Amino acid sequence: MSAFTKWIEEISGGNMSNRELAKKVGMTVATFHRKWTEDAFVSDDAITIARAFGRSPIEALVILGSLTEEEASKAARGYSLSEYTTLELSQELLRRIQASAEVPDYLDKPVDEAAKKIL
């Protein structure tokens, strides 16, 4: 049994037949049974099953193996700064400071050369 089929058993309470599961997720019994026995669920199936049980489609995609944990954590954050760790915020701040601290070419020249151009 794959991690994904174990997850389906877990979210369904472990007491639903394939017929009941198929009906709940909107698949024919034959299709559901074939995918179950051949471990042939695809991403669209994972999303449909997750939604049918009120679970996160992202969680389903991770368990199916379509997304990594890292990809899922990035996707789940959106744009809320409160969701980022202090380390992640610090790294971004450092990157921005370093980028803004780059010295423009005209400041690398001696002052008298720069003054000649102005005068």
C-alpha atoms as a PDB file:
ATOM      1  CA  MET A   1       0.000   0.000   0.000  1.00  0.00           C
ATOM      2  CA  SER A   2       1.378   3.396  -0.972  1.00  0.00           C
ATOM      3  CA  ALA A   3       1.645   6.460   1.234  1.00  0.00           C
ATOM      4  CA  PHE A   4      -1.178   8.023  -0.750  1.00  0.00           C
ATOM      5  CA  THR A   5      -3.618   5.132  -0.309  1.00  0.00           C
ATOM      6  CA  LYS A   6      -2.718   5.025   3.397  1.00  0.00           C
ATOM      7  CA  TRP A   7      -3.517   8.747   3.540  1.00  0.00           C
ATOM      8  CA  ILE A   8      -6.902   8.127   1.896  1.00  0.00           C
ATOM      9  CA  GLU A   9      -7.664   5.484   4.527  1.00  0.00           C
ATOM     10  CA  GLU A  10      -6.599   7.902   7.254  1.00  0.00           C
ATOM     11  CA  ILE A  11      -8.720  10.845   6.080  1.00  0.00           C
ATOM     12  CA  SER A  12     -11.729   8.603   5.418  1.00  0.00           C
ATOM     13  CA  GLY A  13     -11.601   7.095   8.885  1.00  0.00           C
ATOM     14  CA  GLY A  14     -10.469   3.720   7.571  1.00  0.00           C
ATOM     15  CA  ASN A  15     -13.979   2.296   7.461  1.00  0.00           C
ATOM     16  CA  MET A  16     -15.210   3.219   3.970  1.00  0.00           C
ATOM     17  CA  SER A  17     -15.388   0.717   1.138  1.00  0.00           C
ATOM     18  CA  ASN A  18     -13.979   1.496  -2.295  1.00  0.00           C
ATOM     19  CA  ARG A  19     -17.578   1.920  -3.461  1.00  0.00           C
ATOM     20  CA  GLU A  20     -18.254   4.535  -0.767  1.00  0.00           C
ATOM     21  CA  LEU A  21     -14.944   6.291  -1.428  1.00  0.00           C
ATOM     22  CA  ALA A  22     -15.588   6.370  -5.179  1.00  0.00           C
ATOM     23  CA  LYS A  23     -19.028   7.873  -4.654  1.00  0.00           C
ATOM     24  CA  LYS A  24     -17.711  10.504  -2.250  1.00  0.00           C
ATOM     25  CA  VAL A  25     -14.958  11.655  -4.629  1.00  0.00           C
ATOM     26  CA  GLY A  26     -17.102  11.457  -7.758  1.00  0.00           C
ATOM     27  CA  MET A  27     -15.397   8.569  -9.566  1.00  0.00           C
ATOM     28  CA  THR A  28     -16.884   5.395 -10.925  1.00  0.00           C
ATOM     29  CA  VAL A  29     -16.286   2.391  -8.709  1.00  0.00           C
ATOM     30  CA  ALA A  30     -14.290   0.660 -11.447  1.00  0.00           C
ATOM     31  CA  THR A  31     -12.004   3.649 -11.992  1.00  0.00           C
ATOM     32  CA  PHE A  32     -11.429   4.174  -8.280  1.00  0.00           C
ATOM     33  CA  HIS A  33     -10.757   0.469  -7.684  1.00  0.00           C
ATOM     34  CA  ARG A  34      -8.297   0.308 -10.605  1.00  0.00           C
ATOM     35  CA  LYS A  35      -6.411   3.394  -9.408  1.00  0.00           C
ATOM     36  CA  TRP A  36      -6.374   2.023  -5.857  1.00  0.00           C
ATOM     37  CA  THR A  37      -5.053  -1.429  -6.779  1.00  0.00           C
ATOM     38  CA  GLU A  38      -2.556  -0.156  -9.362  1.00  0.00           C
ATOM     39  CA  ASP A  39      -1.516   2.837  -7.241  1.00  0.00           C
ATOM     40  CA  ALA A  40      -2.327   4.970 -10.275  1.00  0.00           C
ATOM     41  CA  PHE A  41      -3.721   8.125  -8.691  1.00  0.00           C
ATOM     42  CA  VAL A  42      -2.576  11.326 -10.424  1.00  0.00           C
ATOM     43  CA  SER A  43      -2.421  14.933  -9.235  1.00  0.00           C
ATOM     44  CA  ASP A  44      -5.978  15.753 -10.318  1.00  0.00           C
ATOM     45  CA  ASP A  45      -7.237  12.753  -8.348  1.00  0.00           C
ATOM     46  CA  ALA A  46      -5.309  13.853  -5.266  1.00  0.00           C
ATOM     47  CA  ILE A  47      -6.838  17.326  -5.434  1.00  0.00           C
ATOM     48  CA  THR A  48     -10.359  15.934  -5.927  1.00  0.00           C
ATOM     49  CA  ILE A  49      -9.982  13.482  -3.043  1.00  0.00           C
ATOM     50  CA  ALA A  50      -8.579  16.142  -0.714  1.00  0.00           C
ATOM     51  CA  ARG A  51     -11.443  18.516  -1.483  1.00  0.00           C
ATOM     52  CA  ALA A  52     -14.029  15.769  -1.000  1.00  0.00           C
ATOM     53  CA  PHE A  53     -12.749  15.239   2.539  1.00  0.00           C
ATOM     54  CA  GLY A  54     -12.174  18.918   3.353  1.00  0.00           C
ATOM     55  CA  ARG A  55      -8.395  18.563   3.291  1.00  0.00           C
ATOM     56  CA  SER A  56      -5.729  20.708   1.682  1.00  0.00           C
ATOM     57  CA  PRO A  57      -5.008  19.869  -1.953  1.00  0.00           C
ATOM     58  CA  ILE A  58      -1.396  20.866  -1.279  1.00  0.00           C
ATOM     59  CA  GLU A  59      -1.161  18.243   1.469  1.00  0.00           C
ATOM     60  CA  ALA A  60      -2.522  15.645  -0.968  1.00  0.00           C
ATOM     61  CA  LEU A  61       0.003  16.606  -3.646  1.00  0.00           C
ATOM     62  CA  VAL A  62       2.881  16.261  -1.177  1.00  0.00           C
ATOM     63  CA  ILE A  63       1.725  12.829  -0.051  1.00  0.00           C
ATOM     64  CA  LEU A  64       1.239  11.738  -3.664  1.00  0.00           C
ATOM     65  CA  GLY A  65       4.774  12.961  -4.414  1.00  0.00           C
ATOM     66  CA  SER A  66       3.814  15.635  -6.941  1.00  0.00           C
ATOM     67  CA  LEU A  67       5.179  18.413  -4.700  1.00  0.00           C
ATOM     68  CA  THR A  68       8.057  18.466  -2.236  1.00  0.00           C
ATOM     69  CA  GLU A  69       7.622  19.675   1.342  1.00  0.00           C
ATOM     70  CA  GLU A  70       9.724  22.739   0.460  1.00  0.00           C
ATOM     71  CA  GLU A  71       7.531  23.627  -2.520  1.00  0.00           C
ATOM     72  CA  ALA A  72       4.421  23.193  -0.422  1.00  0.00           C
ATOM     73  CA  SER A  73       5.706  25.427   2.369  1.00  0.00           C
ATOM     74  CA  LYS A  74       6.525  28.172  -0.121  1.00  0.00           C
ATOM     75  CA  ALA A  75       3.131  27.887  -1.789  1.00  0.00           C
ATOM     76  CA  ALA A  76       1.267  27.986   1.495  1.00  0.00           C
ATOM     77  CA  ARG A  77       2.805  31.256   2.623  1.00  0.00           C
ATOM     78  CA  GLY A  78       1.548  33.611  -0.015  1.00  0.00           C
ATOM     79  CA  TYR A  79       2.596  37.167   0.791  1.00  0.00           C
ATOM     80  CA  SER A  80       2.104  37.349   4.559  1.00  0.00           C
ATOM     81  CA  LEU A  81       5.358  38.442   6.211  1.00  0.00           C
ATOM     82  CA  SER A  82       4.274  36.982   9.540  1.00  0.00           C
ATOM     83  CA  GLU A  83       4.534  33.522   7.977  1.00  0.00           C
ATOM     84  CA  TYR A  84       8.288  33.789   7.268  1.00  0.00           C
ATOM     85  CA  THR A  85      10.896  32.770   9.825  1.00  0.00           C
ATOM     86  CA  THR A  86      13.297  35.287  11.326  1.00  0.00           C
ATOM     87  CA  LEU A  87      16.129  33.595   9.440  1.00  0.00           C
ATOM     88  CA  GLU A  88      14.325  33.938   6.090  1.00  0.00           C
ATOM     89  CA  LEU A  89      13.560  37.605   6.734  1.00  0.00           C
ATOM     90  CA  SER A  90      17.158  38.252   7.816  1.00  0.00           C
ATOM     91  CA  GLN A  91      18.548  36.576   4.709  1.00  0.00           C
ATOM     92  CA  GLU A  92      16.342  38.690   2.454  1.00  0.00           C
ATOM     93  CA  LEU A  93      17.303  41.849   4.344  1.00  0.00           C
ATOM     94  CA  LEU A  94      21.002  41.009   4.010  1.00  0.00           C
ATOM     95  CA  ARG A  95      20.582  40.324   0.290  1.00  0.00           C
ATOM     96  CA  ARG A  96      18.923  43.713  -0.197  1.00  0.00           C
ATOM     97  CA  ILE A  97      21.558  45.570   1.846  1.00  0.00           C
ATOM     98  CA  GLN A  98      24.359  43.940  -0.114  1.00  0.00           C
ATOM     99  CA  ALA A  99      22.687  44.803  -3.413  1.00  0.00           C
ATOM    100  CA  SER A 100      22.209  48.439  -2.416  1.00  0.00           C
ATOM    101  CA  ALA A 101      25.765  48.711  -1.054  1.00  0.00           C
ATOM    102  CA  GLU A 102      27.363  48.078  -4.427  1.00  0.00           C
ATOM    103  CA  VAL A 103      29.528  51.063  -5.297  1.00  0.00           C
ATOM    104  CA  PRO A 104      28.601  52.868  -8.520  1.00  0.00           C
ATOM    105  CA  ASP A 105      31.425  53.219 -11.083  1.00  0.00           C
ATOM    106  CA  TYR A 106      31.661  56.996 -10.723  1.00  0.00           C
ATOM    107  CA  LEU A 107      32.516  56.643  -7.031  1.00  0.00           C
ATOM    108  CA  ASP A 108      35.509  54.418  -7.792  1.00  0.00           C
ATOM    109  CA  LYS A 109      37.365  57.306  -9.471  1.00  0.00           C
ATOM    110  CA  PRO A 110      39.468  59.839  -7.557  1.00  0.00           C
ATOM    111  CA  VAL A 111      37.549  62.921  -6.446  1.00  0.00           C
ATOM    112  CA  ASP A 112      39.577  65.305  -8.635  1.00  0.00           C
ATOM    113  CA  GLU A 113      38.624  63.305 -11.780  1.00  0.00           C
ATOM    114  CA  ALA A 114      34.968  63.425 -10.835  1.00  0.00           C
ATOM    115  CA  ALA A 115      35.260  67.165 -10.099  1.00  0.00           C
ATOM    116  CA  LYS A 116      36.799  67.817 -13.522  1.00  0.00           C
ATOM    117  CA  LYS A 117      33.751  66.295 -15.179  1.00  0.00           C
ATOM    118  CA  ILE A 118      31.416  68.492 -13.175  1.00  0.00           C
ATOM    119  CA  LEU A 119      33.371  71.751 -13.719  1.00  0.00           C
END
